[in-house]
Protein backbone atom coordinates (compact mmCIF):
# COMPACT_ATOMS: atom_id res chain seq x y z
CA MET A 1 90.60 33.83 26.77
CA THR A 2 89.83 36.23 24.11
CA GLU A 3 90.49 33.63 21.07
CA LEU A 4 88.44 31.11 23.27
CA THR A 5 85.40 33.63 23.04
CA LEU A 6 85.95 34.18 19.61
CA SER A 7 86.19 30.68 18.64
CA SER A 8 82.90 29.90 20.50
CA ARG A 9 81.03 33.10 18.72
CA LEU A 10 82.42 31.87 15.51
CA LEU A 11 81.17 28.29 16.38
CA LEU A 12 77.62 29.42 17.28
CA ILE A 13 77.45 31.60 14.19
CA VAL A 14 78.27 28.66 11.75
CA ALA A 15 75.65 26.44 13.90
CA GLY A 16 72.95 28.83 13.47
CA VAL A 17 73.92 29.03 9.65
CA GLY A 18 73.76 25.61 9.24
CA LEU A 19 70.61 25.25 10.92
CA ILE A 20 69.00 27.94 8.93
CA ALA A 21 70.00 26.35 5.75
CA GLY A 22 68.81 22.81 6.94
CA ILE A 23 65.41 24.14 7.72
CA ILE A 24 65.30 26.01 4.35
CA ALA A 25 66.43 22.83 2.36
CA GLY A 26 63.73 20.86 4.34
CA LEU A 27 61.16 23.33 3.09
CA VAL A 28 62.24 23.09 -0.43
CA LEU A 29 62.24 19.27 -0.50
CA GLY A 30 58.73 19.11 1.39
CA TRP A 31 56.82 21.33 -0.72
CA LEU A 32 58.39 21.47 -4.44
CA VAL A 33 60.60 18.14 -4.59
CA TRP A 34 58.54 15.50 -2.61
CA PRO A 35 55.27 17.17 -1.73
CA VAL A 36 52.64 15.49 0.37
CA GLN A 37 50.12 13.86 -1.83
CA ILE A 38 46.61 12.67 -0.47
CA ALA A 39 45.18 9.36 -2.33
CA ASN A 40 42.61 6.88 -2.14
CA VAL A 41 40.28 9.21 0.13
CA ASP A 42 37.01 7.44 1.22
CA VAL A 43 33.86 9.01 0.56
CA THR A 44 33.63 8.36 4.59
CA ASP A 45 36.45 10.49 5.17
CA LEU A 46 34.60 13.57 4.11
CA LYS A 47 33.15 15.99 6.55
CA PRO A 48 29.36 15.77 7.19
CA SER A 49 28.75 18.80 5.15
CA SER A 50 30.59 17.71 2.35
CA GLN A 51 28.69 14.14 2.41
CA ASP A 52 25.23 16.17 2.72
CA GLU A 53 26.22 18.06 -0.90
CA MET A 54 26.95 14.67 -2.19
CA ILE A 55 23.51 13.50 -1.24
CA VAL A 56 22.01 16.55 -2.95
CA LEU A 57 23.74 15.88 -6.08
CA ILE A 58 22.62 11.96 -5.88
CA ALA A 59 19.16 13.38 -5.58
CA LYS A 60 19.36 15.62 -8.64
CA ALA A 61 20.60 12.92 -10.37
CA TYR A 62 17.74 10.76 -9.43
CA ALA A 63 15.07 13.26 -10.37
CA LEU A 64 16.74 13.16 -13.77
CA ASP A 65 17.11 9.57 -14.63
CA HIS A 66 14.91 7.61 -11.87
CA ASP A 67 17.55 4.99 -11.79
CA LEU A 68 16.96 3.84 -8.12
CA PRO A 69 19.65 0.95 -7.98
CA ARG A 70 22.44 3.53 -9.26
CA ALA A 71 21.54 6.04 -6.39
CA GLN A 72 21.52 3.28 -3.93
CA GLU A 73 24.84 2.29 -5.25
CA ARG A 74 26.06 5.80 -4.46
CA LEU A 75 24.53 6.56 -1.48
CA ALA A 76 26.17 3.01 -0.07
CA GLN A 77 29.82 4.64 -0.43
CA LEU A 78 28.71 6.69 2.63
CA ARG A 79 28.13 3.50 4.52
CA ASP A 80 25.07 4.87 6.66
CA PRO A 81 22.71 2.09 7.64
CA LYS A 82 20.11 4.97 8.06
CA ILE A 83 20.59 6.18 4.74
CA ALA A 84 17.02 6.62 4.00
CA ASP A 85 16.33 8.84 7.39
CA ARG A 86 19.33 10.70 6.58
CA VAL A 87 18.00 11.74 2.98
CA ALA A 88 14.49 12.55 4.76
CA ALA A 89 15.99 14.78 7.34
CA LEU A 90 17.90 16.71 4.61
CA ALA A 91 14.61 17.19 2.68
CA LYS A 92 13.02 18.70 5.90
CA GLN A 93 16.23 20.60 6.53
CA SER A 94 16.21 22.26 3.03
CA ASN A 95 12.31 22.69 2.97
CA ALA A 96 12.75 24.59 5.89
CA LYS A 97 15.12 27.05 4.38
CA LYS A 98 12.92 27.21 1.41
CA GLN A 99 15.53 25.51 -0.70
CA SER A 100 14.83 24.06 -4.15
CA ASP A 101 16.52 20.86 -3.43
CA ALA A 102 14.08 19.95 -0.91
CA ILE A 103 11.51 18.20 -3.21
CA ASN A 104 14.35 16.17 -4.94
CA LEU A 105 15.57 14.90 -1.32
CA ALA A 106 11.82 14.17 -0.65
CA ILE A 107 11.13 12.23 -3.81
CA LEU A 108 14.80 10.09 -3.31
CA ALA A 109 13.63 9.58 0.42
CA ILE A 110 10.32 8.05 -0.88
CA ALA A 111 12.01 6.06 -3.22
CA LEU A 112 14.20 4.48 -0.47
CA GLY A 113 10.82 3.65 1.39
CA ASN A 114 10.41 6.54 3.55
CA THR A 115 6.85 6.70 4.46
CA ASP A 116 6.75 10.18 6.65
CA SER A 117 3.36 12.04 5.51
CA GLN A 118 5.57 15.28 5.85
CA ILE A 119 8.03 14.03 3.34
CA ALA A 120 5.18 13.23 0.91
CA LEU A 121 3.89 16.77 1.07
CA ILE A 122 7.43 18.17 0.11
CA ALA A 123 7.83 15.77 -2.92
CA ALA A 124 4.21 16.74 -3.92
CA THR A 125 4.62 20.54 -3.83
CA SER A 126 6.59 22.65 -6.12
CA THR A 127 6.71 26.50 -6.21
CA PRO A 128 4.02 28.30 -8.02
CA THR A 129 5.46 30.41 -11.16
CA ALA A 130 4.19 33.77 -11.32
CA THR A 131 3.15 35.27 -14.90
CA ASN A 132 4.37 38.63 -15.57
CA THR A 133 1.67 40.87 -16.80
CA ALA A 134 2.07 44.38 -18.37
CA THR A 135 0.82 47.00 -15.90
CA PRO A 136 -0.91 49.70 -17.89
CA THR A 137 0.56 53.28 -17.61
CA GLU A 138 -2.04 55.89 -16.02
CA THR A 139 -2.60 58.38 -18.57
CA ALA A 140 -4.39 61.76 -18.06
CA THR A 141 -7.56 62.60 -19.40
CA PRO A 142 -8.21 66.61 -19.94
CA THR A 143 -11.49 67.52 -18.65
CA LEU A 144 -12.63 70.78 -20.25
CA VAL A 145 -14.87 73.35 -18.19
CA PRO A 146 -16.94 75.41 -20.50
CA LEU A 147 -16.51 79.24 -20.71
CA VAL A 148 -18.82 81.06 -18.50
CA THR A 149 -21.27 83.33 -20.77
CA PRO A 150 -21.00 86.80 -20.02
CA THR A 151 -24.00 88.56 -18.47
CA LEU A 152 -24.95 92.23 -18.98
CA GLU A 153 -25.83 94.39 -15.39
CA PRO A 154 -27.24 97.92 -15.89
CA THR A 155 -24.42 99.60 -13.74
CA ALA A 156 -21.35 96.75 -14.29
CA THR A 157 -18.94 96.69 -17.16
CA MET A 158 -19.31 93.54 -19.34
CA THR A 159 -16.31 91.47 -17.94
CA PRO A 160 -16.27 88.00 -19.52
CA THR A 161 -14.59 85.35 -17.27
CA VAL A 162 -12.86 82.42 -18.54
CA SER A 163 -11.82 79.22 -16.55
CA THR A 164 -9.00 77.47 -16.91
CA PRO A 165 -9.15 73.90 -18.23
CA THR A 166 -7.90 71.45 -15.88
CA ARG A 167 -6.80 67.87 -16.05
CA THR A 168 -8.06 65.36 -13.78
CA ALA A 169 -6.18 61.85 -13.75
CA THR A 170 -8.16 58.65 -13.97
CA ARG A 171 -6.85 55.65 -12.43
CA ARG A 172 -6.70 52.40 -14.41
CA PRO A 173 -6.92 49.14 -12.53
CA VAL A 174 -3.88 47.64 -12.23
CA ALA A 175 -3.20 44.06 -13.54
CA THR A 176 -2.02 41.72 -10.92
CA ALA A 177 0.30 38.80 -11.61
CA THR A 178 -1.76 35.48 -11.09
CA PRO A 179 0.46 32.74 -10.00
CA LYS A 180 -0.14 29.34 -11.75
CA PRO A 181 -1.27 26.17 -9.74
CA ALA A 182 1.66 24.17 -8.47
CA ALA A 183 2.76 21.42 -10.94
CA ILE A 184 1.69 18.01 -9.88
CA ALA A 185 4.88 15.57 -9.41
CA PRO A 186 4.83 12.43 -11.46
CA THR A 187 3.87 9.23 -10.41
CA ILE A 188 6.89 7.25 -8.66
CA TRP A 189 7.04 3.97 -10.05
CA LEU A 190 8.99 1.47 -7.84
CA PRO A 191 10.50 -0.70 -10.13
CA PRO A 192 10.26 1.44 -13.42
CA PHE A 193 6.83 1.22 -15.14
CA PRO A 194 6.06 -0.71 -17.05
CA SER A 195 9.29 -2.43 -18.20
CA GLU A 196 9.83 -4.18 -14.60
CA TRP A 197 6.07 -4.78 -13.90
CA PRO A 198 3.59 -7.65 -14.63
CA PRO A 199 2.29 -7.72 -18.31
CA GLY A 200 -0.81 -6.68 -18.20
CA ALA A 201 -0.64 -3.77 -15.69
CA LYS A 202 -2.21 -0.77 -16.88
CA PHE A 203 -2.19 2.90 -15.74
CA GLU A 204 -4.82 5.35 -16.67
CA PRO A 205 -4.56 9.00 -15.76
CA VAL A 206 -7.95 10.95 -15.17
CA ASN A 207 -8.40 13.74 -17.64
CA VAL A 208 -9.58 17.17 -15.24
CA ALA A 209 -9.79 20.38 -15.79
CA PRO A 210 -7.47 23.00 -14.22
CA GLY A 211 -8.33 23.88 -10.96
CA GLN A 212 -10.15 20.82 -10.19
CA LYS A 213 -9.53 18.24 -7.37
CA TYR A 214 -8.68 14.69 -8.29
CA TRP A 215 -6.96 11.55 -6.72
CA HIS A 216 -3.42 11.27 -8.25
CA LEU A 217 -1.62 7.97 -7.91
CA ALA A 218 1.35 9.73 -6.37
CA ARG A 219 3.47 6.15 -5.63
CA ALA A 220 3.19 2.81 -6.77
CA LEU A 221 5.39 0.10 -5.53
CA TYR A 222 5.45 -3.75 -6.95
CA CYS A 223 7.33 -6.15 -4.67
CA ASP A 224 8.38 -9.33 -6.79
CA ASP A 225 8.33 -12.89 -5.23
CA ARG A 226 11.15 -12.49 -2.33
CA ASP A 227 12.10 -9.12 -3.97
CA THR A 228 14.73 -7.45 -1.73
CA ARG A 229 14.55 -4.22 -3.33
CA ASN A 230 12.53 -0.98 -2.18
CA ASP A 231 12.67 -2.59 1.37
CA CYS A 232 10.17 -4.86 0.13
CA PRO A 233 11.07 -7.61 3.19
CA ASN A 234 10.07 -5.13 5.91
CA LEU A 235 6.71 -3.96 4.34
CA PRO A 236 3.58 -5.14 5.49
CA GLY A 237 2.81 -8.73 4.00
CA GLY A 238 6.65 -9.92 4.13
CA ASP A 239 7.91 -12.25 1.33
CA THR A 240 4.73 -14.50 1.46
CA GLY A 241 2.14 -11.53 1.01
CA THR A 242 -0.29 -11.48 -1.99
CA ASN A 243 -2.25 -8.27 -1.13
CA ILE A 244 -2.83 -5.05 -2.52
CA TYR A 245 -2.24 -2.04 -0.09
CA VAL A 246 -3.85 1.31 -0.82
CA MET A 247 -3.11 4.38 1.20
CA LEU A 248 -5.14 7.58 0.86
CA ILE A 249 -3.50 10.95 1.62
CA GLY A 250 -4.36 14.82 1.18
CA ALA A 251 -2.51 17.59 -0.12
CA GLY A 252 -0.45 17.99 3.05
CA GLY A 253 0.45 14.41 3.52
CA TRP A 254 -2.38 13.50 5.85
CA ARG A 255 -4.58 10.51 5.61
CA GLU A 256 -7.86 10.84 4.21
CA SER A 257 -10.77 8.95 4.22
CA ALA A 258 -12.63 7.80 0.99
CA PRO A 259 -14.27 4.71 -0.73
CA LEU A 260 -12.51 2.53 -3.51
CA LYS A 261 -14.28 1.87 -6.89
CA VAL A 262 -13.05 -1.68 -7.80
CA VAL A 263 -14.76 -3.12 -11.20
CA LYS A 264 -15.07 -7.06 -11.03
CA ASP A 265 -15.03 -9.36 -14.26
CA ASP A 266 -18.50 -9.11 -14.41
CA GLY A 267 -18.94 -5.28 -14.48
CA SER A 268 -20.28 -4.89 -11.13
CA LEU A 269 -18.63 -2.96 -8.18
CA ALA A 270 -16.60 -4.95 -5.63
CA THR A 271 -18.21 -4.78 -2.01
CA VAL A 272 -17.04 -5.19 1.56
CA ASP A 273 -17.20 -8.82 0.88
CA ASP A 274 -14.58 -8.45 -1.81
CA LEU A 275 -12.45 -5.71 -0.17
CA GLY A 276 -12.99 -5.68 3.52
CA PRO A 277 -13.83 -2.52 5.24
CA GLU A 278 -11.66 0.87 5.33
CA LYS A 279 -9.05 0.07 8.00
CA SER A 280 -8.35 2.16 11.14
CA ALA A 281 -5.71 4.72 11.20
CA ASP A 282 -3.44 2.74 13.72
CA ASP A 283 -3.87 -0.62 11.48
CA MET A 284 -0.73 -2.24 11.25
CA CYS A 285 -0.81 -2.06 7.24
CA ARG A 286 -0.64 1.59 7.76
CA CYS A 287 -3.12 1.96 4.86
CA ASN A 288 -6.77 2.42 4.19
CA TYR A 289 -7.55 -0.71 2.21
CA SER A 290 -5.77 -4.22 1.95
CA PHE A 291 -7.27 -6.86 -0.29
CA ILE A 292 -5.98 -9.91 -2.34
CA ALA A 293 -4.00 -9.20 -5.23
CA ASN A 294 -6.14 -9.42 -8.53
CA HIS A 295 -6.32 -7.48 -12.15
CA TRP A 296 -9.50 -5.75 -11.11
CA PRO A 297 -9.35 -1.78 -12.19
CA ILE A 298 -8.69 0.12 -8.86
CA GLN A 299 -9.76 3.76 -8.35
CA VAL A 300 -10.69 6.03 -5.34
CA GLY A 301 -14.49 6.68 -5.60
CA GLY A 302 -16.54 9.32 -3.92
CA ALA A 303 -16.91 13.00 -4.88
CA TYR A 304 -13.54 13.35 -7.10
CA PRO A 305 -12.55 11.77 -10.27
CA SER A 306 -9.21 9.48 -9.95
CA ASP A 307 -6.56 8.03 -12.00
CA LYS A 308 -7.02 4.22 -12.19
CA ILE A 309 -4.55 1.27 -12.17
CA SER A 310 -5.32 -2.27 -13.35
CA GLY A 311 -3.96 -5.75 -14.04
CA LEU A 312 -1.78 -6.16 -10.63
CA GLY A 313 -2.35 -9.96 -10.51
CA LEU A 314 -0.06 -12.72 -8.61
CA TYR A 315 2.73 -12.83 -11.44
CA SER A 316 6.44 -12.97 -10.51
CA VAL A 317 8.67 -11.05 -13.37
CA ARG A 318 11.65 -12.26 -11.85
CA MET A 319 10.42 -16.05 -12.23
CA LYS A 320 8.20 -15.22 -14.84
CA ILE A 321 5.28 -17.61 -13.23
CA GLN A 322 1.80 -17.10 -12.54
CA ASN A 323 0.42 -17.18 -8.77
CA ALA A 324 3.42 -16.17 -7.25
CA HIS A 325 3.92 -14.21 -3.85
CA THR A 326 3.73 -10.20 -4.98
CA ARG A 327 2.33 -7.50 -3.35
CA TYR A 328 1.31 -3.75 -4.52
CA TYR A 329 1.45 -0.69 -2.49
CA LEU A 330 -0.73 2.10 -3.96
CA THR A 331 -0.53 5.71 -2.68
CA PHE A 332 -3.53 8.07 -3.99
CA GLN A 333 -3.19 11.67 -3.03
CA LEU A 334 -5.82 13.99 -3.49
CA VAL A 335 -4.58 17.22 -5.37
CA THR A 336 -5.69 20.08 -7.38
CA LYS A 337 -4.27 20.36 -10.96
């Protein structure tokens, strides 16, 4: 009975040692000899926060090279059918957290076709830079009180009284840092200007003094005949449109109202008969003005100076022909230099 018990114990010990040795051997083989390797990971397999970081990097790259097709190609890896809305949402989140990436994200969202007024405001806003001005130190200016002249009294001993000079600190005005005005975002050209715009298209930025308000051409989009880029098929006018659409917005992205100044070939100003009246805010074109595309110089009229653009005729760059179905979308923004 004792021998069976010892044999059973010995068997259990041997089995336990073998089990432990097997576990150790498996760990060594799994970790060192044949470690698990992850390959061919798709971008869509990344967690949402990592995908958002990728979008931020794409927006930074676009801010530098303005290569929209390349940015769209990179974003396509995410396989998100509403990627423009996602970029816009990231821009708003980043702006709420006062992060510098918000501007790059907003500019990319506009390039992808977003027309949200809040996004336009973020894209047109940059952080003011304060100028450090040396603060003069306070210096004490000594003020001397003259000695009291001794007086003679008949019954008093003459005792001169001397007052001690005192120092009176004079506070000088402290220079304060004056912030520089926000830099104006450059015009967003879709597609790149002038290389992919009709020949003869000309842009003339207005020259104004610092602190002056003016109409800045914030965004300009050219849709060629049957152009599928930049969301052209879904914009007002469709593939058969031949109009110029002008939108006017304020510094905060809200809609503004102002007349247009369009000069015809004979030097006279275009009238309502040529351009039509200013449209209401609920018009389906989401614009202030819409009129047939021509090469006449266009700028905003009224109390403030304006950038000018001209030569926007019915010409297809893709097919190199005149009288094509082409459209233009111009957004002027009232800003302060």
